[in-house]
Amino acid sequence: MRAGQALQRVLLTAAAAGLTACLQTQVIAVPAAREQVRLALGRFGWPQVVLRIGYRHPGPGPLLGPPAPRRVSRAGPAPWAPAPDVPG
């Protein structure tokens, strides 16, 4: 719970400073890469996530280009129901 609270504080502080954050877990999914991260940090234990913090690209539009096309299911669209009203 404390780790989650600490991460929340880091993310909120970054947002308040006009920064964006990106959590990256792919790099630590590979044992050899996780070990390299651990050694590069000079720490004991096992890294759980890599956190990138920086300024957003100032230009308009998506950073990586248009989204990839989506495949249409032969079974048709997934069933959808509106969310129930939540009393406010």
PDB file of N, CA and C in Angstrom:
ATOM      1  N   MET A   1       0.814  -1.174   0.000  1.00  0.00           N
ATOM      2  CA  MET A   1       0.000   0.000   0.000  1.00  0.00           C
ATOM      3  C   MET A   1       0.873   1.259   0.000  1.00  0.00           C
ATOM      4  N   ARG A   2       1.956   1.220   0.753  1.00  0.00           N
ATOM      5  CA  ARG A   2       2.835   2.395   0.811  1.00  0.00           C
ATOM      6  C   ARG A   2       3.491   2.669  -0.537  1.00  0.00           C
ATOM      7  N   ALA A   3       3.826   1.599  -1.259  1.00  0.00           N
ATOM      8  CA  ALA A   3       4.436   1.791  -2.581  1.00  0.00           C
ATOM      9  C   ALA A   3       3.445   2.487  -3.518  1.00  0.00           C
ATOM     10  N   GLY A   4       2.185   2.068  -3.468  1.00  0.00           N
ATOM     11  CA  GLY A   4       1.162   2.704  -4.295  1.00  0.00           C
ATOM     12  C   GLY A   4       0.953   4.163  -3.926  1.00  0.00           C
ATOM     13  N   GLN A   5       0.977   4.456  -2.641  1.00  0.00           N
ATOM     14  CA  GLN A   5       0.822   5.834  -2.187  1.00  0.00           C
ATOM     15  C   GLN A   5       2.015   6.683  -2.616  1.00  0.00           C
ATOM     16  N   ALA A   6       3.213   6.103  -2.545  1.00  0.00           N
ATOM     17  CA  ALA A   6       4.408   6.832  -2.974  1.00  0.00           C
ATOM     18  C   ALA A   6       4.350   7.107  -4.473  1.00  0.00           C
ATOM     19  N   LEU A   7       3.931   6.114  -5.256  1.00  0.00           N
ATOM     20  CA  LEU A   7       3.808   6.307  -6.698  1.00  0.00           C
ATOM     21  C   LEU A   7       2.761   7.367  -7.005  1.00  0.00           C
ATOM     22  N   GLN A   8       1.648   7.334  -6.291  1.00  0.00           N
ATOM     23  CA  GLN A   8       0.602   8.337  -6.487  1.00  0.00           C
ATOM     24  C   GLN A   8       1.156   9.740  -6.241  1.00  0.00           C
ATOM     25  N   ARG A   9       1.925   9.896  -5.183  1.00  0.00           N
ATOM     26  CA  ARG A   9       2.495  11.205  -4.864  1.00  0.00           C
ATOM     27  C   ARG A   9       3.447  11.665  -5.966  1.00  0.00           C
ATOM     28  N   VAL A  10       4.272  10.753  -6.479  1.00  0.00           N
ATOM     29  CA  VAL A  10       5.200  11.105  -7.565  1.00  0.00           C
ATOM     30  C   VAL A  10       4.423  11.534  -8.809  1.00  0.00           C
ATOM     31  N   LEU A  11       3.398  10.768  -9.180  1.00  0.00           N
ATOM     32  CA  LEU A  11       2.623  11.078 -10.390  1.00  0.00           C
ATOM     33  C   LEU A  11       1.872  12.398 -10.254  1.00  0.00           C
ATOM     34  N   LEU A  12       1.284  12.636  -9.096  1.00  0.00           N
ATOM     35  CA  LEU A  12       0.551  13.891  -8.884  1.00  0.00           C
ATOM     36  C   LEU A  12       1.494  15.089  -8.847  1.00  0.00           C
ATOM     37  N   THR A  13       2.657  14.915  -8.243  1.00  0.00           N
ATOM     38  CA  THR A  13       3.639  16.000  -8.199  1.00  0.00           C
ATOM     39  C   THR A  13       4.134  16.315  -9.606  1.00  0.00           C
ATOM     40  N   ALA A  14       4.388  15.287 -10.398  1.00  0.00           N
ATOM     41  CA  ALA A  14       4.817  15.501 -11.779  1.00  0.00           C
ATOM     42  C   ALA A  14       3.740  16.223 -12.574  1.00  0.00           C
ATOM     43  N   ALA A  15       2.488  15.801 -12.428  1.00  0.00           N
ATOM     44  CA  ALA A  15       1.386  16.442 -13.150  1.00  0.00           C
ATOM     45  C   ALA A  15       1.243  17.900 -12.734  1.00  0.00           C
ATOM     46  N   ALA A  16       1.380  18.183 -11.450  1.00  0.00           N
ATOM     47  CA  ALA A  16       1.273  19.553 -10.968  1.00  0.00           C
ATOM     48  C   ALA A  16       2.385  20.441 -11.531  1.00  0.00           C
ATOM     49  N   ALA A  17       3.519  19.838 -11.859  1.00  0.00           N
ATOM     50  CA  ALA A  17       4.645  20.578 -12.433  1.00  0.00           C
ATOM     51  C   ALA A  17       4.575  20.649 -13.955  1.00  0.00           C
ATOM     52  N   GLY A  18       3.482  20.128 -14.537  1.00  0.00           N
ATOM     53  CA  GLY A  18       3.324  20.171 -15.990  1.00  0.00           C
ATOM     54  C   GLY A  18       4.050  19.064 -16.724  1.00  0.00           C
ATOM     55  N   LEU A  19       4.423  18.011 -16.008  1.00  0.00           N
ATOM     56  CA  LEU A  19       5.127  16.889 -16.613  1.00  0.00           C
ATOM     57  C   LEU A  19       4.163  15.738 -16.878  1.00  0.00           C
ATOM     58  N   THR A  20       4.555  14.860 -17.774  1.00  0.00           N
ATOM     59  CA  THR A  20       3.785  13.643 -18.016  1.00  0.00           C
ATOM     60  C   THR A  20       4.621  12.458 -17.554  1.00  0.00           C
ATOM     61  N   ALA A  21       3.935  11.368 -17.257  1.00  0.00           N
ATOM     62  CA  ALA A  21       4.619  10.170 -16.788  1.00  0.00           C
ATOM     63  C   ALA A  21       4.138   8.968 -17.578  1.00  0.00           C
ATOM     64  N   CYS A  22       5.024   8.026 -17.748  1.00  0.00           N
ATOM     65  CA  CYS A  22       4.708   6.809 -18.479  1.00  0.00           C
ATOM     66  C   CYS A  22       5.299   5.630 -17.716  1.00  0.00           C
ATOM     67  N   LEU A  23       4.442   4.729 -17.272  1.00  0.00           N
ATOM     68  CA  LEU A  23       4.894   3.525 -16.584  1.00  0.00           C
ATOM     69  C   LEU A  23       5.250   2.479 -17.632  1.00  0.00           C
ATOM     70  N   GLN A  24       6.413   1.895 -17.509  1.00  0.00           N
ATOM     71  CA  GLN A  24       6.852   0.893 -18.475  1.00  0.00           C
ATOM     72  C   GLN A  24       7.232  -0.374 -17.727  1.00  0.00           C
ATOM     73  N   THR A  25       6.486  -1.429 -17.976  1.00  0.00           N
ATOM     74  CA  THR A  25       6.770  -2.697 -17.307  1.00  0.00           C
ATOM     75  C   THR A  25       7.367  -3.729 -18.256  1.00  0.00           C
ATOM     76  N   GLN A  26       7.338  -3.456 -19.558  1.00  0.00           N
ATOM     77  CA  GLN A  26       7.844  -4.427 -20.525  1.00  0.00           C
ATOM     78  C   GLN A  26       9.327  -4.710 -20.307  1.00  0.00           C
ATOM     79  N   VAL A  27      10.095  -3.677 -19.987  1.00  0.00           N
ATOM     80  CA  VAL A  27      11.538  -3.833 -19.857  1.00  0.00           C
ATOM     81  C   VAL A  27      11.899  -4.756 -18.697  1.00  0.00           C
ATOM     82  N   ILE A  28      11.076  -4.824 -17.679  1.00  0.00           N
ATOM     83  CA  ILE A  28      11.400  -5.686 -16.553  1.00  0.00           C
ATOM     84  C   ILE A  28      10.730  -7.049 -16.638  1.00  0.00           C
ATOM     85  N   ALA A  29       9.978  -7.281 -17.707  1.00  0.00           N
ATOM     86  CA  ALA A  29       9.336  -8.587 -17.890  1.00  0.00           C
ATOM     87  C   ALA A  29      10.363  -9.644 -18.314  1.00  0.00           C
ATOM     88  N   VAL A  30      11.457  -9.205 -18.884  1.00  0.00           N
ATOM     89  CA  VAL A  30      12.525 -10.110 -19.323  1.00  0.00           C
ATOM     90  C   VAL A  30      13.563 -10.173 -18.206  1.00  0.00           C
ATOM     91  N   PRO A  31      13.818 -11.358 -17.660  1.00  0.00           N
ATOM     92  CA  PRO A  31      14.732 -11.463 -16.510  1.00  0.00           C
ATOM     93  C   PRO A  31      16.097 -10.804 -16.734  1.00  0.00           C
ATOM     94  N   ALA A  32      16.689 -10.964 -17.899  1.00  0.00           N
ATOM     95  CA  ALA A  32      18.008 -10.370 -18.151  1.00  0.00           C
ATOM     96  C   ALA A  32      17.926  -8.838 -18.140  1.00  0.00           C
ATOM     97  N   ALA A  33      16.862  -8.300 -18.708  1.00  0.00           N
ATOM     98  CA  ALA A  33      16.691  -6.843 -18.716  1.00  0.00           C
ATOM     99  C   ALA A  33      16.444  -6.321 -17.303  1.00  0.00           C
ATOM    100  N   ARG A  34      15.651  -7.058 -16.528  1.00  0.00           N
ATOM    101  CA  ARG A  34      15.385  -6.659 -15.140  1.00  0.00           C
ATOM    102  C   ARG A  34      16.701  -6.617 -14.354  1.00  0.00           C
ATOM    103  N   GLU A  35      17.549  -7.597 -14.569  1.00  0.00           N
ATOM    104  CA  GLU A  35      18.841  -7.635 -13.875  1.00  0.00           C
ATOM    105  C   GLU A  35      19.701  -6.448 -14.278  1.00  0.00           C
ATOM    106  N   GLN A  36      19.685  -6.082 -15.560  1.00  0.00           N
ATOM    107  CA  GLN A  36      20.463  -4.928 -16.016  1.00  0.00           C
ATOM    108  C   GLN A  36      19.967  -3.642 -15.364  1.00  0.00           C
ATOM    109  N   VAL A  37      18.650  -3.501 -15.247  1.00  0.00           N
ATOM    110  CA  VAL A  37      18.088  -2.315 -14.583  1.00  0.00           C
ATOM    111  C   VAL A  37      18.522  -2.295 -13.123  1.00  0.00           C
ATOM    112  N   ARG A  38      18.428  -3.441 -12.464  1.00  0.00           N
ATOM    113  CA  ARG A  38      18.806  -3.522 -11.052  1.00  0.00           C
ATOM    114  C   ARG A  38      20.276  -3.146 -10.855  1.00  0.00           C
ATOM    115  N   LEU A  39      21.141  -3.682 -11.706  1.00  0.00           N
ATOM    116  CA  LEU A  39      22.563  -3.381 -11.588  1.00  0.00           C
ATOM    117  C   LEU A  39      22.871  -1.925 -11.925  1.00  0.00           C
ATOM    118  N   ALA A  40      22.189  -1.386 -12.925  1.00  0.00           N
ATOM    119  CA  ALA A  40      22.410   0.012 -13.307  1.00  0.00           C
ATOM    120  C   ALA A  40      22.030   0.962 -12.178  1.00  0.00           C
ATOM    121  N   LEU A  41      21.020   0.581 -11.401  1.00  0.00           N
ATOM    122  CA  LEU A  41      20.601   1.421 -10.279  1.00  0.00           C
ATOM    123  C   LEU A  41      21.467   1.211  -9.043  1.00  0.00           C
ATOM    124  N   GLY A  42      22.271   0.125  -9.044  1.00  0.00           N
ATOM    125  CA  GLY A  42      23.126  -0.147  -7.904  1.00  0.00           C
ATOM    126  C   GLY A  42      22.339  -0.488  -6.649  1.00  0.00           C
ATOM    127  N   ARG A  43      21.192  -1.112  -6.825  1.00  0.00           N
ATOM    128  CA  ARG A  43      20.309  -1.407  -5.694  1.00  0.00           C
ATOM    129  C   ARG A  43      20.114  -2.911  -5.547  1.00  0.00           C
ATOM    130  N   PHE A  44      19.612  -3.289  -4.396  1.00  0.00           N
ATOM    131  CA  PHE A  44      19.223  -4.669  -4.154  1.00  0.00           C
ATOM    132  C   PHE A  44      17.732  -4.803  -4.420  1.00  0.00           C
ATOM    133  N   GLY A  45      17.255  -6.025  -4.530  1.00  0.00           N
ATOM    134  CA  GLY A  45      15.825  -6.244  -4.769  1.00  0.00           C
ATOM    135  C   GLY A  45      15.543  -6.387  -6.246  1.00  0.00           C
ATOM    136  N   TRP A  46      14.273  -6.303  -6.583  1.00  0.00           N
ATOM    137  CA  TRP A  46      13.839  -6.489  -7.965  1.00  0.00           C
ATOM    138  C   TRP A  46      13.023  -5.310  -8.431  1.00  0.00           C
ATOM    139  N   PRO A  47      13.474  -4.610  -9.487  1.00  0.00           N
ATOM    140  CA  PRO A  47      12.691  -3.493 -10.029  1.00  0.00           C
ATOM    141  C   PRO A  47      11.306  -3.985 -10.459  1.00  0.00           C
ATOM    142  N   GLN A  48      10.308  -3.203 -10.179  1.00  0.00           N
ATOM    143  CA  GLN A  48       8.935  -3.561 -10.534  1.00  0.00           C
ATOM    144  C   GLN A  48       8.413  -2.772 -11.720  1.00  0.00           C
ATOM    145  N   VAL A  49       8.924  -1.576 -11.933  1.00  0.00           N
ATOM    146  CA  VAL A  49       8.442  -0.730 -13.011  1.00  0.00           C
ATOM    147  C   VAL A  49       9.517   0.304 -13.342  1.00  0.00           C
ATOM    148  N   VAL A  50       9.548   0.723 -14.594  1.00  0.00           N
ATOM    149  CA  VAL A  50      10.395   1.834 -15.014  1.00  0.00           C
ATOM    150  C   VAL A  50       9.457   3.006 -15.254  1.00  0.00           C
ATOM    151  N   LEU A  51       9.782   4.145 -14.688  1.00  0.00           N
ATOM    152  CA  LEU A  51       8.928   5.325 -14.779  1.00  0.00           C
ATOM    153  C   LEU A  51       9.651   6.399 -15.568  1.00  0.00           C
ATOM    154  N   ARG A  52       9.052   6.779 -16.694  1.00  0.00           N
ATOM    155  CA  ARG A  52       9.597   7.881 -17.503  1.00  0.00           C
ATOM    156  C   ARG A  52       8.819   9.135 -17.154  1.00  0.00           C
ATOM    157  N   ILE A  53       9.521  10.206 -16.897  1.00  0.00           N
ATOM    158  CA  ILE A  53       8.883  11.488 -16.596  1.00  0.00           C
ATOM    159  C   ILE A  53       9.516  12.531 -17.495  1.00  0.00           C
ATOM    160  N   GLY A  54       8.686  13.348 -18.113  1.00  0.00           N
ATOM    161  CA  GLY A  54       9.207  14.390 -18.978  1.00  0.00           C
ATOM    162  C   GLY A  54       8.106  15.315 -19.445  1.00  0.00           C
ATOM    163  N   TYR A  55       8.470  16.218 -20.340  1.00  0.00           N
ATOM    164  CA  TYR A  55       7.503  17.161 -20.890  1.00  0.00           C
ATOM    165  C   TYR A  55       6.832  16.564 -22.105  1.00  0.00           C
ATOM    166  N   ARG A  56       5.569  16.863 -22.284  1.00  0.00           N
ATOM    167  CA  ARG A  56       4.807  16.394 -23.433  1.00  0.00           C
ATOM    168  C   ARG A  56       5.298  17.106 -24.680  1.00  0.00           C
ATOM    169  N   HIS A  57       5.245  16.417 -25.802  1.00  0.00           N
ATOM    170  CA  HIS A  57       5.597  17.009 -27.088  1.00  0.00           C
ATOM    171  C   HIS A  57       4.690  18.218 -27.322  1.00  0.00           C
ATOM    172  N   PRO A  58       5.247  19.376 -27.658  1.00  0.00           N
ATOM    173  CA  PRO A  58       4.427  20.582 -27.757  1.00  0.00           C
ATOM    174  C   PRO A  58       3.509  20.633 -28.976  1.00  0.00           C
ATOM    175  N   GLY A  59       3.777  19.825 -29.996  1.00  0.00           N
ATOM    176  CA  GLY A  59       2.980  19.894 -31.215  1.00  0.00           C
ATOM    177  C   GLY A  59       1.619  19.247 -31.075  1.00  0.00           C
ATOM    178  N   PRO A  60       0.723  19.539 -32.009  1.00  0.00           N
ATOM    179  CA  PRO A  60      -0.600  18.928 -31.973  1.00  0.00           C
ATOM    180  C   PRO A  60      -0.558  17.480 -32.442  1.00  0.00           C
ATOM    181  N   GLY A  61      -1.570  16.742 -32.081  1.00  0.00           N
ATOM    182  CA  GLY A  61      -1.739  15.392 -32.600  1.00  0.00           C
ATOM    183  C   GLY A  61      -1.009  14.337 -31.805  1.00  0.00           C
ATOM    184  N   PRO A  62      -1.248  13.083 -32.186  1.00  0.00           N
ATOM    185  CA  PRO A  62      -0.619  11.967 -31.475  1.00  0.00           C
ATOM    186  C   PRO A  62       0.884  11.933 -31.722  1.00  0.00           C
ATOM    187  N   LEU A  63       1.599  11.432 -30.761  1.00  0.00           N
ATOM    188  CA  LEU A  63       3.057  11.392 -30.865  1.00  0.00           C
ATOM    189  C   LEU A  63       3.541  10.292 -31.788  1.00  0.00           C
ATOM    190  N   LEU A  64       2.809   9.215 -31.888  1.00  0.00           N
ATOM    191  CA  LEU A  64       3.275   8.051 -32.639  1.00  0.00           C
ATOM    192  C   LEU A  64       2.558   7.863 -33.966  1.00  0.00           C
ATOM    193  N   GLY A  65       1.824   8.850 -34.424  1.00  0.00           N
ATOM    194  CA  GLY A  65       1.101   8.716 -35.668  1.00  0.00           C
ATOM    195  C   GLY A  65      -0.309   8.190 -35.447  1.00  0.00           C
ATOM    196  N   PRO A  66      -1.005   7.885 -36.525  1.00  0.00           N
ATOM    197  CA  PRO A  66      -2.395   7.444 -36.391  1.00  0.00           C
ATOM    198  C   PRO A  66      -2.478   6.065 -35.737  1.00  0.00           C
ATOM    199  N   PRO A  67      -3.609   5.771 -35.099  1.00  0.00           N
ATOM    200  CA  PRO A  67      -3.755   4.461 -34.472  1.00  0.00           C
ATOM    201  C   PRO A  67      -3.786   3.350 -35.514  1.00  0.00           C
ATOM    202  N   ALA A  68      -3.385   2.177 -35.113  1.00  0.00           N
ATOM    203  CA  ALA A  68      -3.405   1.019 -36.002  1.00  0.00           C
ATOM    204  C   ALA A  68      -4.851   0.638 -36.311  1.00  0.00           C
ATOM    205  N   PRO A  69      -5.103   0.110 -37.509  1.00  0.00           N
ATOM    206  CA  PRO A  69      -6.470  -0.303 -37.829  1.00  0.00           C
ATOM    207  C   PRO A  69      -6.918  -1.438 -36.914  1.00  0.00           C
ATOM    208  N   ARG A  70      -8.204  -1.497 -36.660  1.00  0.00           N
ATOM    209  CA  ARG A  70      -8.770  -2.514 -35.786  1.00  0.00           C
ATOM    210  C   ARG A  70      -9.441  -3.594 -36.619  1.00  0.00           C
ATOM    211  N   ARG A  71      -9.338  -4.847 -36.159  1.00  0.00           N
ATOM    212  CA  ARG A  71     -10.018  -5.941 -36.836  1.00  0.00           C
ATOM    213  C   ARG A  71     -11.458  -6.008 -36.348  1.00  0.00           C
ATOM    214  N   VAL A  72     -12.354  -6.375 -37.218  1.00  0.00           N
ATOM    215  CA  VAL A  72     -13.752  -6.525 -36.846  1.00  0.00           C
ATOM    216  C   VAL A  72     -14.005  -8.000 -36.556  1.00  0.00           C
ATOM    217  N   SER A  73     -14.636  -8.265 -35.444  1.00  0.00           N
ATOM    218  CA  SER A  73     -14.935  -9.635 -35.057  1.00  0.00           C
ATOM    219  C   SER A  73     -16.022 -10.204 -35.960  1.00  0.00           C
ATOM    220  N   ARG A  74     -15.885 -11.452 -36.352  1.00  0.00           N
ATOM    221  CA  ARG A  74     -16.925 -12.100 -37.162  1.00  0.00           C
ATOM    222  C   ARG A  74     -18.186 -12.332 -36.353  1.00  0.00           C
ATOM    223  N   ALA A  75     -18.037 -12.356 -35.041  1.00  0.00           N
ATOM    224  CA  ALA A  75     -19.198 -12.566 -34.169  1.00  0.00           C
ATOM    225  C   ALA A  75     -19.982 -11.281 -33.975  1.00  0.00           C
ATOM    226  N   GLY A  76     -19.515 -10.195 -34.542  1.00  0.00           N
ATOM    227  CA  GLY A  76     -20.199  -8.920 -34.361  1.00  0.00           C
ATOM    228  C   GLY A  76     -19.618  -8.174 -33.178  1.00  0.00           C
ATOM    229  N   PRO A  77     -20.178  -7.023 -32.920  1.00  0.00           N
ATOM    230  CA  PRO A  77     -19.650  -6.231 -31.808  1.00  0.00           C
ATOM    231  C   PRO A  77     -19.892  -6.906 -30.464  1.00  0.00           C
ATOM    232  N   ALA A  78     -19.030  -6.599 -29.517  1.00  0.00           N
ATOM    233  CA  ALA A  78     -19.197  -7.149 -28.173  1.00  0.00           C
ATOM    234  C   ALA A  78     -20.456  -6.572 -27.536  1.00  0.00           C
ATOM    235  N   PRO A  79     -21.129  -7.341 -26.705  1.00  0.00           N
ATOM    236  CA  PRO A  79     -22.320  -6.808 -26.040  1.00  0.00           C
ATOM    237  C   PRO A  79     -21.944  -5.605 -25.189  1.00  0.00           C
ATOM    238  N   TRP A  80     -22.817  -4.625 -25.183  1.00  0.00           N
ATOM    239  CA  TRP A  80     -22.543  -3.419 -24.438  1.00  0.00           C
ATOM    240  C   TRP A  80     -23.794  -2.992 -23.704  1.00  0.00           C
ATOM    241  N   ALA A  81     -23.631  -2.574 -22.521  1.00  0.00           N
ATOM    242  CA  ALA A  81     -24.753  -2.038 -21.752  1.00  0.00           C
ATOM    243  C   ALA A  81     -24.292  -0.744 -21.113  1.00  0.00           C
ATOM    244  N   PRO A  82     -25.149   0.250 -21.094  1.00  0.00           N
ATOM    245  CA  PRO A  82     -24.732   1.506 -20.462  1.00  0.00           C
ATOM    246  C   PRO A  82     -24.457   1.302 -18.977  1.00  0.00           C
ATOM    247  N   ALA A  83     -23.539   2.080 -18.462  1.00  0.00           N
ATOM    248  CA  ALA A  83     -23.244   1.990 -17.032  1.00  0.00           C
ATOM    249  C   ALA A  83     -24.437   2.474 -16.231  1.00  0.00           C
ATOM    250  N   PRO A  84     -24.693   1.848 -15.109  1.00  0.00           N
ATOM    251  CA  PRO A  84     -25.815   2.292 -14.291  1.00  0.00           C
ATOM    252  C   PRO A  84     -25.569   3.706 -13.765  1.00  0.00           C
ATOM    253  N   ASP A  85     -26.635   4.439 -13.578  1.00  0.00           N
ATOM    254  CA  ASP A  85     -26.501   5.794 -13.028  1.00  0.00           C
ATOM    255  C   ASP A  85     -26.008   5.702 -11.594  1.00  0.00           C
ATOM    256  N   VAL A  86     -25.049   6.551 -11.328  1.00  0.00           N
ATOM    257  CA  VAL A  86     -24.499   6.595  -9.973  1.00  0.00           C
ATOM    258  C   VAL A  86     -25.036   7.856  -9.322  1.00  0.00           C
ATOM    259  N   PRO A  87     -25.693   7.711  -8.179  1.00  0.00           N
ATOM    260  CA  PRO A  87     -26.216   8.922  -7.526  1.00  0.00           C
ATOM    261  C   PRO A  87     -25.073   9.859  -7.172  1.00  0.00           C
ATOM    262  N   GLY A  88     -25.276  11.124  -7.458  1.00  0.00           N
ATOM    263  CA  GLY A  88     -24.207  12.086  -7.217  1.00  0.00           C
ATOM    264  C   GLY A  88     -24.542  12.943  -6.104  1.00  0.00           C
TER     265      GLY A  88
END
